All heavy atoms as atom14 arrays in JSON, in Angstrom:
{
  "sequence": "KFFKIILAAFIFLSFIYPLKSSEIDLTFPEFNISDIENNQNNAYKSAV",
  "atom14_mask": [
    [1, 1, 1, 1, 1, 1, 1, 1, 1, 0, 0, 0, 0, 0],
    [1, 1, 1, 1, 1, 1, 1, 1, 1, 1, 1, 0, 0, 0],
    [1, 1, 1, 1, 1, 1, 1, 1, 1, 1, 1, 0, 0, 0],
    [1, 1, 1, 1, 1, 1, 1, 1, 1, 0, 0, 0, 0, 0],
    [1, 1, 1, 1, 1, 1, 1, 1, 0, 0, 0, 0, 0, 0],
    [1, 1, 1, 1, 1, 1, 1, 1, 0, 0, 0, 0, 0, 0],
    [1, 1, 1, 1, 1, 1, 1, 1, 0, 0, 0, 0, 0, 0],
    [1, 1, 1, 1, 1, 0, 0, 0, 0, 0, 0, 0, 0, 0],
    [1, 1, 1, 1, 1, 0, 0, 0, 0, 0, 0, 0, 0, 0],
    [1, 1, 1, 1, 1, 1, 1, 1, 1, 1, 1, 0, 0, 0],
    [1, 1, 1, 1, 1, 1, 1, 1, 0, 0, 0, 0, 0, 0],
    [1, 1, 1, 1, 1, 1, 1, 1, 1, 1, 1, 0, 0, 0],
    [1, 1, 1, 1, 1, 1, 1, 1, 0, 0, 0, 0, 0, 0],
    [1, 1, 1, 1, 1, 1, 0, 0, 0, 0, 0, 0, 0, 0],
    [1, 1, 1, 1, 1, 1, 1, 1, 1, 1, 1, 0, 0, 0],
    [1, 1, 1, 1, 1, 1, 1, 1, 0, 0, 0, 0, 0, 0],
    [1, 1, 1, 1, 1, 1, 1, 1, 1, 1, 1, 1, 0, 0],
    [1, 1, 1, 1, 1, 1, 1, 0, 0, 0, 0, 0, 0, 0],
    [1, 1, 1, 1, 1, 1, 1, 1, 0, 0, 0, 0, 0, 0],
    [1, 1, 1, 1, 1, 1, 1, 1, 1, 0, 0, 0, 0, 0],
    [1, 1, 1, 1, 1, 1, 0, 0, 0, 0, 0, 0, 0, 0],
    [1, 1, 1, 1, 1, 1, 0, 0, 0, 0, 0, 0, 0, 0],
    [1, 1, 1, 1, 1, 1, 1, 1, 1, 0, 0, 0, 0, 0],
    [1, 1, 1, 1, 1, 1, 1, 1, 0, 0, 0, 0, 0, 0],
    [1, 1, 1, 1, 1, 1, 1, 1, 0, 0, 0, 0, 0, 0],
    [1, 1, 1, 1, 1, 1, 1, 1, 0, 0, 0, 0, 0, 0],
    [1, 1, 1, 1, 1, 1, 1, 0, 0, 0, 0, 0, 0, 0],
    [1, 1, 1, 1, 1, 1, 1, 1, 1, 1, 1, 0, 0, 0],
    [1, 1, 1, 1, 1, 1, 1, 0, 0, 0, 0, 0, 0, 0],
    [1, 1, 1, 1, 1, 1, 1, 1, 1, 0, 0, 0, 0, 0],
    [1, 1, 1, 1, 1, 1, 1, 1, 1, 1, 1, 0, 0, 0],
    [1, 1, 1, 1, 1, 1, 1, 1, 0, 0, 0, 0, 0, 0],
    [1, 1, 1, 1, 1, 1, 1, 1, 0, 0, 0, 0, 0, 0],
    [1, 1, 1, 1, 1, 1, 0, 0, 0, 0, 0, 0, 0, 0],
    [1, 1, 1, 1, 1, 1, 1, 1, 0, 0, 0, 0, 0, 0],
    [1, 1, 1, 1, 1, 1, 1, 1, 0, 0, 0, 0, 0, 0],
    [1, 1, 1, 1, 1, 1, 1, 1, 1, 0, 0, 0, 0, 0],
    [1, 1, 1, 1, 1, 1, 1, 1, 0, 0, 0, 0, 0, 0],
    [1, 1, 1, 1, 1, 1, 1, 1, 0, 0, 0, 0, 0, 0],
    [1, 1, 1, 1, 1, 1, 1, 1, 1, 0, 0, 0, 0, 0],
    [1, 1, 1, 1, 1, 1, 1, 1, 0, 0, 0, 0, 0, 0],
    [1, 1, 1, 1, 1, 1, 1, 1, 0, 0, 0, 0, 0, 0],
    [1, 1, 1, 1, 1, 0, 0, 0, 0, 0, 0, 0, 0, 0],
    [1, 1, 1, 1, 1, 1, 1, 1, 1, 1, 1, 1, 0, 0],
    [1, 1, 1, 1, 1, 1, 1, 1, 1, 0, 0, 0, 0, 0],
    [1, 1, 1, 1, 1, 1, 0, 0, 0, 0, 0, 0, 0, 0],
    [1, 1, 1, 1, 1, 0, 0, 0, 0, 0, 0, 0, 0, 0],
    [1, 1, 1, 1, 1, 1, 1, 0, 0, 0, 0, 0, 0, 0]
  ],
  "atom14_positions": [
    [[99.23, 121.0, 73.84], [98.86, 120.42, 75.18], [99.08, 118.96, 75.21], [99.59, 118.39, 76.15], [97.39, 120.79, 75.55], [97.23, 122.26, 75.75], [95.7, 122.55, 76.16], [95.53, 124.02, 76.32], [94.09, 124.31, 76.64], [0.0, 0.0, 0.0], [0.0, 0.0, 0.0], [0.0, 0.0, 0.0], [0.0, 0.0, 0.0], [0.0, 0.0, 0.0]],
    [[98.72, 118.3, 74.08], [98.9, 116.85, 74.0], [100.35, 116.48, 74.09], [100.73, 115.57, 74.8], [98.27, 116.32, 72.69], [98.57, 114.84, 72.41], [97.86, 113.92, 73.18], [99.46, 114.45, 71.49], [98.08, 112.57, 72.96], [99.74, 113.17, 71.26], [99.01, 112.17, 72.0], [0.0, 0.0, 0.0], [0.0, 0.0, 0.0], [0.0, 0.0, 0.0]],
    [[101.24, 117.2, 73.36], [102.68, 116.91, 73.41], [103.26, 117.23, 74.73], [104.18, 116.49, 75.22], [103.44, 117.8, 72.34], [103.35, 117.23, 70.98], [102.74, 117.84, 69.94], [104.02, 116.02, 70.66], [102.65, 117.33, 68.62], [103.99, 115.5, 69.4], [103.31, 116.16, 68.4], [0.0, 0.0, 0.0], [0.0, 0.0, 0.0], [0.0, 0.0, 0.0]],
    [[102.78, 118.21, 75.47], [103.32, 118.5, 76.82], [102.9, 117.39, 77.77], [103.69, 117.03, 78.71], [102.74, 119.87, 77.3], [103.55, 120.99, 76.57], [103.16, 122.32, 77.04], [103.97, 123.35, 76.26], [103.81, 124.65, 76.77], [0.0, 0.0, 0.0], [0.0, 0.0, 0.0], [0.0, 0.0, 0.0], [0.0, 0.0, 0.0], [0.0, 0.0, 0.0]],
    [[101.77, 116.8, 77.62], [101.4, 115.69, 78.54], [102.28, 114.5, 78.21], [102.71, 113.86, 79.11], [99.91, 115.29, 78.17], [98.93, 116.41, 78.76], [99.54, 113.99, 78.89], [97.57, 116.23, 78.43], [0.0, 0.0, 0.0], [0.0, 0.0, 0.0], [0.0, 0.0, 0.0], [0.0, 0.0, 0.0], [0.0, 0.0, 0.0], [0.0, 0.0, 0.0]],
    [[102.6, 114.26, 76.93], [103.54, 113.17, 76.54], [104.89, 113.45, 77.15], [105.54, 112.51, 77.69], [103.58, 113.02, 75.05], [102.15, 112.63, 74.49], [104.6, 111.97, 74.67], [101.69, 111.27, 74.95], [0.0, 0.0, 0.0], [0.0, 0.0, 0.0], [0.0, 0.0, 0.0], [0.0, 0.0, 0.0], [0.0, 0.0, 0.0], [0.0, 0.0, 0.0]],
    [[105.36, 114.68, 77.05], [106.67, 114.99, 77.64], [106.72, 114.85, 79.18], [107.67, 114.36, 79.74], [107.02, 116.47, 77.23], [107.53, 116.7, 75.82], [107.78, 118.15, 75.56], [108.8, 115.91, 75.56], [0.0, 0.0, 0.0], [0.0, 0.0, 0.0], [0.0, 0.0, 0.0], [0.0, 0.0, 0.0], [0.0, 0.0, 0.0], [0.0, 0.0, 0.0]],
    [[105.6, 115.21, 79.82], [105.54, 115.07, 81.26], [105.6, 113.63, 81.64], [106.3, 113.19, 82.63], [104.24, 115.73, 81.83], [0.0, 0.0, 0.0], [0.0, 0.0, 0.0], [0.0, 0.0, 0.0], [0.0, 0.0, 0.0], [0.0, 0.0, 0.0], [0.0, 0.0, 0.0], [0.0, 0.0, 0.0], [0.0, 0.0, 0.0], [0.0, 0.0, 0.0]],
    [[104.87, 112.78, 80.91], [104.89, 111.33, 81.2], [106.3, 110.8, 80.91], [106.84, 109.93, 81.68], [103.87, 110.58, 80.34], [0.0, 0.0, 0.0], [0.0, 0.0, 0.0], [0.0, 0.0, 0.0], [0.0, 0.0, 0.0], [0.0, 0.0, 0.0], [0.0, 0.0, 0.0], [0.0, 0.0, 0.0], [0.0, 0.0, 0.0], [0.0, 0.0, 0.0]],
    [[106.98, 111.22, 79.85], [108.36, 110.88, 79.54], [109.31, 111.22, 80.68], [110.17, 110.42, 81.17], [108.78, 111.48, 78.22], [110.17, 111.17, 77.85], [110.58, 109.96, 77.52], [111.13, 112.27, 77.77], [111.9, 109.68, 77.13], [112.42, 111.97, 77.43], [112.81, 110.68, 77.1], [0.0, 0.0, 0.0], [0.0, 0.0, 0.0], [0.0, 0.0, 0.0]],
    [[109.16, 112.4, 81.22], [109.97, 112.88, 82.38], [109.76, 112.03, 83.61], [110.64, 111.53, 84.3], [109.79, 114.36, 82.63], [110.35, 115.22, 81.4], [110.52, 114.77, 83.92], [109.98, 116.65, 81.51], [0.0, 0.0, 0.0], [0.0, 0.0, 0.0], [0.0, 0.0, 0.0], [0.0, 0.0, 0.0], [0.0, 0.0, 0.0], [0.0, 0.0, 0.0]],
    [[108.49, 111.79, 83.84], [108.1, 111.01, 84.98], [108.72, 109.59, 84.95], [109.26, 109.06, 85.88], [106.59, 110.94, 85.1], [106.07, 110.14, 86.26], [106.21, 110.59, 87.58], [105.52, 108.9, 86.07], [105.72, 109.86, 88.7], [105.03, 108.15, 87.16], [105.12, 108.6, 88.46], [0.0, 0.0, 0.0], [0.0, 0.0, 0.0], [0.0, 0.0, 0.0]],
    [[108.58, 108.93, 83.81], [109.17, 107.62, 83.65], [110.64, 107.66, 83.77], [111.25, 106.65, 84.21], [108.7, 107.07, 82.29], [107.23, 106.63, 82.14], [106.87, 106.21, 80.78], [106.9, 105.55, 83.19], [0.0, 0.0, 0.0], [0.0, 0.0, 0.0], [0.0, 0.0, 0.0], [0.0, 0.0, 0.0], [0.0, 0.0, 0.0], [0.0, 0.0, 0.0]],
    [[111.33, 108.74, 83.31], [112.73, 108.8, 83.38], [113.18, 108.8, 84.88], [114.32, 108.43, 85.2], [113.36, 110.01, 82.6], [113.03, 111.15, 83.26], [0.0, 0.0, 0.0], [0.0, 0.0, 0.0], [0.0, 0.0, 0.0], [0.0, 0.0, 0.0], [0.0, 0.0, 0.0], [0.0, 0.0, 0.0], [0.0, 0.0, 0.0], [0.0, 0.0, 0.0]],
    [[112.37, 109.37, 85.71], [112.65, 109.42, 87.12], [112.52, 108.04, 87.77], [113.31, 107.6, 88.63], [111.74, 110.35, 87.9], [112.27, 111.78, 87.85], [111.78, 112.68, 86.9], [113.17, 112.28, 88.79], [112.22, 113.94, 86.86], [113.54, 113.54, 88.77], [113.08, 114.4, 87.78], [0.0, 0.0, 0.0], [0.0, 0.0, 0.0], [0.0, 0.0, 0.0]],
    [[111.5, 107.23, 87.32], [111.15, 106.04, 87.99], [111.88, 104.84, 87.39], [112.31, 103.95, 88.13], [109.61, 105.74, 87.93], [108.98, 106.86, 88.81], [109.29, 104.4, 88.41], [107.54, 106.79, 88.88], [0.0, 0.0, 0.0], [0.0, 0.0, 0.0], [0.0, 0.0, 0.0], [0.0, 0.0, 0.0], [0.0, 0.0, 0.0], [0.0, 0.0, 0.0]],
    [[112.1, 104.82, 86.09], [112.69, 103.58, 85.47], [114.05, 103.18, 85.97], [114.24, 102.0, 86.17], [112.78, 103.85, 83.94], [113.22, 102.66, 83.21], [112.37, 101.57, 83.03], [114.55, 102.54, 82.72], [112.75, 100.41, 82.32], [114.93, 101.34, 82.05], [114.04, 100.29, 81.84], [114.43, 99.16, 81.28], [0.0, 0.0, 0.0], [0.0, 0.0, 0.0]],
    [[114.97, 104.12, 86.3], [116.23, 103.63, 86.82], [116.06, 102.92, 88.22], [116.89, 102.09, 88.54], [117.07, 104.91, 86.98], [116.5, 105.85, 85.98], [115.04, 105.51, 85.95], [0.0, 0.0, 0.0], [0.0, 0.0, 0.0], [0.0, 0.0, 0.0], [0.0, 0.0, 0.0], [0.0, 0.0, 0.0], [0.0, 0.0, 0.0], [0.0, 0.0, 0.0]],
    [[115.12, 103.3, 88.95], [114.82, 102.62, 90.24], [114.5, 101.14, 90.04], [114.78, 100.28, 90.91], [113.74, 103.35, 91.03], [114.13, 104.75, 91.47], [112.82, 105.38, 92.18], [115.27, 104.77, 92.46], [0.0, 0.0, 0.0], [0.0, 0.0, 0.0], [0.0, 0.0, 0.0], [0.0, 0.0, 0.0], [0.0, 0.0, 0.0], [0.0, 0.0, 0.0]],
    [[113.82, 100.87, 88.94], [113.42, 99.49, 88.7], [114.65, 98.62, 88.42], [114.67, 97.44, 88.9], [112.5, 99.43, 87.51], [111.98, 98.06, 87.18], [111.07, 98.07, 85.93], [110.71, 96.57, 85.65], [110.4, 96.38, 84.3], [0.0, 0.0, 0.0], [0.0, 0.0, 0.0], [0.0, 0.0, 0.0], [0.0, 0.0, 0.0], [0.0, 0.0, 0.0]],
    [[115.61, 99.12, 87.71], [116.76, 98.27, 87.35], [117.91, 98.37, 88.4], [118.83, 97.62, 88.25], [117.31, 98.73, 86.0], [117.79, 100.12, 86.1], [0.0, 0.0, 0.0], [0.0, 0.0, 0.0], [0.0, 0.0, 0.0], [0.0, 0.0, 0.0], [0.0, 0.0, 0.0], [0.0, 0.0, 0.0], [0.0, 0.0, 0.0], [0.0, 0.0, 0.0]],
    [[117.71, 99.13, 89.45], [118.71, 99.23, 90.48], [118.66, 98.09, 91.48], [117.72, 97.29, 91.42], [118.58, 100.57, 91.18], [117.46, 100.5, 92.0], [0.0, 0.0, 0.0], [0.0, 0.0, 0.0], [0.0, 0.0, 0.0], [0.0, 0.0, 0.0], [0.0, 0.0, 0.0], [0.0, 0.0, 0.0], [0.0, 0.0, 0.0], [0.0, 0.0, 0.0]],
    [[119.57, 98.07, 92.35], [119.6, 97.03, 93.38], [118.92, 97.51, 94.61], [118.98, 96.78, 95.63], [121.06, 96.68, 93.71], [121.74, 95.98, 92.48], [123.21, 95.65, 92.81], [123.58, 95.84, 93.98], [123.88, 95.35, 91.85], [0.0, 0.0, 0.0], [0.0, 0.0, 0.0], [0.0, 0.0, 0.0], [0.0, 0.0, 0.0], [0.0, 0.0, 0.0]],
    [[118.22, 98.62, 94.6], [117.53, 99.18, 95.72], [116.26, 98.39, 95.89], [115.48, 98.24, 94.96], [117.25, 100.62, 95.55], [118.54, 101.47, 95.43], [116.39, 101.18, 96.66], [118.32, 102.9, 95.12], [0.0, 0.0, 0.0], [0.0, 0.0, 0.0], [0.0, 0.0, 0.0], [0.0, 0.0, 0.0], [0.0, 0.0, 0.0], [0.0, 0.0, 0.0]],
    [[115.98, 97.94, 97.09], [114.76, 97.21, 97.39], [113.65, 98.17, 97.7], [113.67, 98.92, 98.67], [115.01, 96.32, 98.58], [113.82, 95.45, 98.95], [112.98, 95.23, 98.0], [113.68, 94.89, 100.04], [0.0, 0.0, 0.0], [0.0, 0.0, 0.0], [0.0, 0.0, 0.0], [0.0, 0.0, 0.0], [0.0, 0.0, 0.0], [0.0, 0.0, 0.0]],
    [[112.66, 98.28, 96.78], [111.58, 99.13, 96.96], [110.31, 98.5, 97.39], [109.22, 99.05, 97.37], [111.32, 99.85, 95.57], [112.42, 100.7, 95.08], [112.07, 101.24, 93.64], [112.71, 101.83, 95.98], [0.0, 0.0, 0.0], [0.0, 0.0, 0.0], [0.0, 0.0, 0.0], [0.0, 0.0, 0.0], [0.0, 0.0, 0.0], [0.0, 0.0, 0.0]],
    [[110.44, 97.24, 97.92], [109.2, 96.58, 98.41], [108.87, 97.09, 99.79], [109.77, 97.32, 100.63], [109.36, 95.08, 98.44], [110.46, 94.77, 99.22], [109.55, 94.52, 96.99], [0.0, 0.0, 0.0], [0.0, 0.0, 0.0], [0.0, 0.0, 0.0], [0.0, 0.0, 0.0], [0.0, 0.0, 0.0], [0.0, 0.0, 0.0], [0.0, 0.0, 0.0]],
    [[107.64, 97.22, 100.02], [107.18, 97.65, 101.39], [107.0, 96.44, 102.28], [106.53, 95.37, 101.83], [105.9, 98.39, 101.3], [106.02, 99.78, 100.57], [105.51, 99.89, 99.27], [106.64, 100.83, 101.14], [105.68, 101.16, 98.67], [106.76, 102.01, 100.56], [106.33, 102.25, 99.3], [0.0, 0.0, 0.0], [0.0, 0.0, 0.0], [0.0, 0.0, 0.0]],
    [[107.34, 96.55, 103.52], [107.14, 95.46, 104.41], [105.68, 95.13, 104.66], [104.83, 96.0, 104.66], [107.84, 95.89, 105.75], [107.82, 97.33, 105.73], [107.89, 97.72, 104.22], [0.0, 0.0, 0.0], [0.0, 0.0, 0.0], [0.0, 0.0, 0.0], [0.0, 0.0, 0.0], [0.0, 0.0, 0.0], [0.0, 0.0, 0.0], [0.0, 0.0, 0.0]],
    [[105.42, 93.84, 104.76], [103.98, 93.48, 104.95], [103.66, 93.72, 106.44], [104.53, 93.57, 107.29], [103.77, 92.02, 104.67], [103.94, 91.72, 103.2], [103.61, 90.23, 102.9], [102.88, 89.6, 103.6], [104.1, 89.78, 101.87], [0.0, 0.0, 0.0], [0.0, 0.0, 0.0], [0.0, 0.0, 0.0], [0.0, 0.0, 0.0], [0.0, 0.0, 0.0]],
    [[102.48, 94.07, 106.72], [102.08, 94.24, 108.07], [100.66, 93.64, 108.26], [99.89, 93.56, 107.35], [102.05, 95.72, 108.52], [101.03, 96.57, 107.82], [99.79, 96.76, 108.37], [101.32, 97.12, 106.56], [98.82, 97.57, 107.76], [100.4, 97.9, 105.93], [99.19, 98.12, 106.47], [0.0, 0.0, 0.0], [0.0, 0.0, 0.0], [0.0, 0.0, 0.0]],
    [[100.48, 93.22, 109.41], [99.19, 92.55, 109.77], [98.48, 93.46, 110.77], [99.07, 93.9, 111.75], [99.52, 91.19, 110.4], [98.27, 90.35, 110.57], [97.15, 90.85, 110.56], [98.44, 89.08, 110.82], [0.0, 0.0, 0.0], [0.0, 0.0, 0.0], [0.0, 0.0, 0.0], [0.0, 0.0, 0.0], [0.0, 0.0, 0.0], [0.0, 0.0, 0.0]],
    [[97.18, 93.76, 110.53], [96.47, 94.75, 111.26], [96.31, 94.14, 112.75], [96.27, 94.91, 113.67], [95.1, 95.01, 110.64], [94.4, 96.24, 111.34], [94.14, 93.87, 110.69], [95.06, 97.51, 111.04], [0.0, 0.0, 0.0], [0.0, 0.0, 0.0], [0.0, 0.0, 0.0], [0.0, 0.0, 0.0], [0.0, 0.0, 0.0], [0.0, 0.0, 0.0]],
    [[96.22, 92.85, 112.88], [96.1, 92.26, 114.21], [97.36, 92.5, 115.01], [97.32, 92.64, 116.25], [95.74, 90.8, 114.15], [96.8, 90.08, 113.59], [0.0, 0.0, 0.0], [0.0, 0.0, 0.0], [0.0, 0.0, 0.0], [0.0, 0.0, 0.0], [0.0, 0.0, 0.0], [0.0, 0.0, 0.0], [0.0, 0.0, 0.0], [0.0, 0.0, 0.0]],
    [[98.58, 92.48, 114.38], [99.82, 92.8, 115.05], [99.81, 94.18, 115.57], [100.23, 94.44, 116.7], [100.96, 92.55, 114.2], [101.23, 91.08, 113.84], [100.7, 90.22, 114.63], [101.97, 90.78, 112.85], [0.0, 0.0, 0.0], [0.0, 0.0, 0.0], [0.0, 0.0, 0.0], [0.0, 0.0, 0.0], [0.0, 0.0, 0.0], [0.0, 0.0, 0.0]],
    [[99.29, 95.11, 114.78], [99.25, 96.5, 115.17], [98.24, 96.61, 116.37], [98.55, 97.32, 117.3], [98.79, 97.4, 113.96], [99.92, 97.39, 112.86], [98.49, 98.79, 114.41], [99.49, 98.01, 111.62], [0.0, 0.0, 0.0], [0.0, 0.0, 0.0], [0.0, 0.0, 0.0], [0.0, 0.0, 0.0], [0.0, 0.0, 0.0], [0.0, 0.0, 0.0]],
    [[97.15, 96.0, 116.3], [96.21, 96.08, 117.37], [96.81, 95.48, 118.68], [96.54, 96.02, 119.73], [94.86, 95.41, 116.95], [94.08, 96.18, 115.97], [92.92, 95.4, 115.41], [92.76, 94.19, 115.74], [92.1, 95.99, 114.69], [0.0, 0.0, 0.0], [0.0, 0.0, 0.0], [0.0, 0.0, 0.0], [0.0, 0.0, 0.0], [0.0, 0.0, 0.0]],
    [[97.46, 94.38, 118.51], [98.09, 93.74, 119.72], [99.16, 94.67, 120.36], [99.21, 94.79, 121.54], [98.72, 92.42, 119.37], [97.66, 91.34, 119.15], [96.55, 91.41, 119.64], [98.08, 90.25, 118.48], [0.0, 0.0, 0.0], [0.0, 0.0, 0.0], [0.0, 0.0, 0.0], [0.0, 0.0, 0.0], [0.0, 0.0, 0.0], [0.0, 0.0, 0.0]],
    [[99.99, 95.28, 119.47], [100.99, 96.22, 120.01], [100.34, 97.41, 120.66], [100.81, 97.88, 121.67], [101.91, 96.66, 118.87], [102.84, 95.58, 118.37], [103.07, 94.59, 119.09], [103.36, 95.75, 117.2], [0.0, 0.0, 0.0], [0.0, 0.0, 0.0], [0.0, 0.0, 0.0], [0.0, 0.0, 0.0], [0.0, 0.0, 0.0], [0.0, 0.0, 0.0]],
    [[99.3, 97.93, 120.07], [98.58, 99.04, 120.65], [97.94, 98.65, 121.99], [98.04, 99.37, 122.93], [97.48, 99.44, 119.7], [96.85, 100.8, 119.92], [95.96, 101.22, 118.84], [95.29, 100.38, 118.17], [95.89, 102.5, 118.57], [0.0, 0.0, 0.0], [0.0, 0.0, 0.0], [0.0, 0.0, 0.0], [0.0, 0.0, 0.0], [0.0, 0.0, 0.0]],
    [[97.34, 97.48, 122.05], [96.74, 96.96, 123.26], [97.78, 96.85, 124.34], [97.56, 97.17, 125.49], [96.03, 95.63, 122.98], [94.95, 95.32, 123.97], [94.49, 96.19, 124.64], [94.53, 94.09, 124.05], [0.0, 0.0, 0.0], [0.0, 0.0, 0.0], [0.0, 0.0, 0.0], [0.0, 0.0, 0.0], [0.0, 0.0, 0.0], [0.0, 0.0, 0.0]],
    [[98.98, 96.3, 123.97], [100.04, 96.11, 124.96], [100.56, 97.43, 125.44], [100.89, 97.6, 126.58], [101.15, 95.3, 124.36], [100.81, 93.85, 124.24], [99.91, 93.34, 124.92], [101.53, 93.18, 123.35], [0.0, 0.0, 0.0], [0.0, 0.0, 0.0], [0.0, 0.0, 0.0], [0.0, 0.0, 0.0], [0.0, 0.0, 0.0], [0.0, 0.0, 0.0]],
    [[100.59, 98.47, 124.52], [101.08, 99.75, 125.01], [100.05, 100.35, 125.94], [100.5, 100.99, 126.99], [101.2, 100.66, 123.72], [0.0, 0.0, 0.0], [0.0, 0.0, 0.0], [0.0, 0.0, 0.0], [0.0, 0.0, 0.0], [0.0, 0.0, 0.0], [0.0, 0.0, 0.0], [0.0, 0.0, 0.0], [0.0, 0.0, 0.0], [0.0, 0.0, 0.0]],
    [[98.78, 100.28, 125.73], [97.83, 100.79, 126.63], [97.84, 100.04, 127.92], [97.64, 100.64, 129.06], [96.42, 100.8, 126.01], [96.25, 101.78, 124.89], [95.75, 101.42, 123.64], [96.6, 103.19, 125.08], [95.59, 102.35, 122.62], [96.48, 104.08, 124.08], [95.97, 103.67, 122.83], [95.81, 104.54, 121.81], [0.0, 0.0, 0.0], [0.0, 0.0, 0.0]],
    [[98.01, 98.74, 127.9], [98.07, 97.9, 129.09], [99.24, 98.36, 129.95], [99.12, 98.61, 131.15], [98.17, 96.51, 128.71], [98.31, 95.58, 129.86], [98.43, 94.1, 129.43], [98.65, 93.2, 130.61], [98.66, 91.76, 130.18], [0.0, 0.0, 0.0], [0.0, 0.0, 0.0], [0.0, 0.0, 0.0], [0.0, 0.0, 0.0], [0.0, 0.0, 0.0]],
    [[100.36, 98.6, 129.33], [101.54, 99.1, 130.04], [101.37, 100.47, 130.66], [101.76, 100.73, 131.77], [102.79, 99.1, 129.1], [103.91, 99.61, 129.74], [0.0, 0.0, 0.0], [0.0, 0.0, 0.0], [0.0, 0.0, 0.0], [0.0, 0.0, 0.0], [0.0, 0.0, 0.0], [0.0, 0.0, 0.0], [0.0, 0.0, 0.0], [0.0, 0.0, 0.0]],
    [[100.7, 101.29, 129.88], [100.42, 102.67, 130.36], [99.52, 102.68, 131.6], [99.69, 103.42, 132.57], [99.78, 103.55, 129.34], [0.0, 0.0, 0.0], [0.0, 0.0, 0.0], [0.0, 0.0, 0.0], [0.0, 0.0, 0.0], [0.0, 0.0, 0.0], [0.0, 0.0, 0.0], [0.0, 0.0, 0.0], [0.0, 0.0, 0.0], [0.0, 0.0, 0.0]],
    [[98.49, 101.78, 131.56], [97.55, 101.72, 132.71], [98.3, 101.14, 133.94], [98.16, 101.66, 135.11], [96.34, 100.82, 132.32], [95.51, 100.44, 133.56], [95.44, 101.56, 131.3], [0.0, 0.0, 0.0], [0.0, 0.0, 0.0], [0.0, 0.0, 0.0], [0.0, 0.0, 0.0], [0.0, 0.0, 0.0], [0.0, 0.0, 0.0], [0.0, 0.0, 0.0]]
  ]
}
């Protein structure tokens, strides 16, 4: 069971590690909760 856990971690890392060295941008955009609230408020204002 211990070896299978180690193998599972090894497989998991083999899936993720190439993404780290690639040129793919994996950063998530930052968002501000007040921007979301303003957009939501504007949408409701427009609907009314």
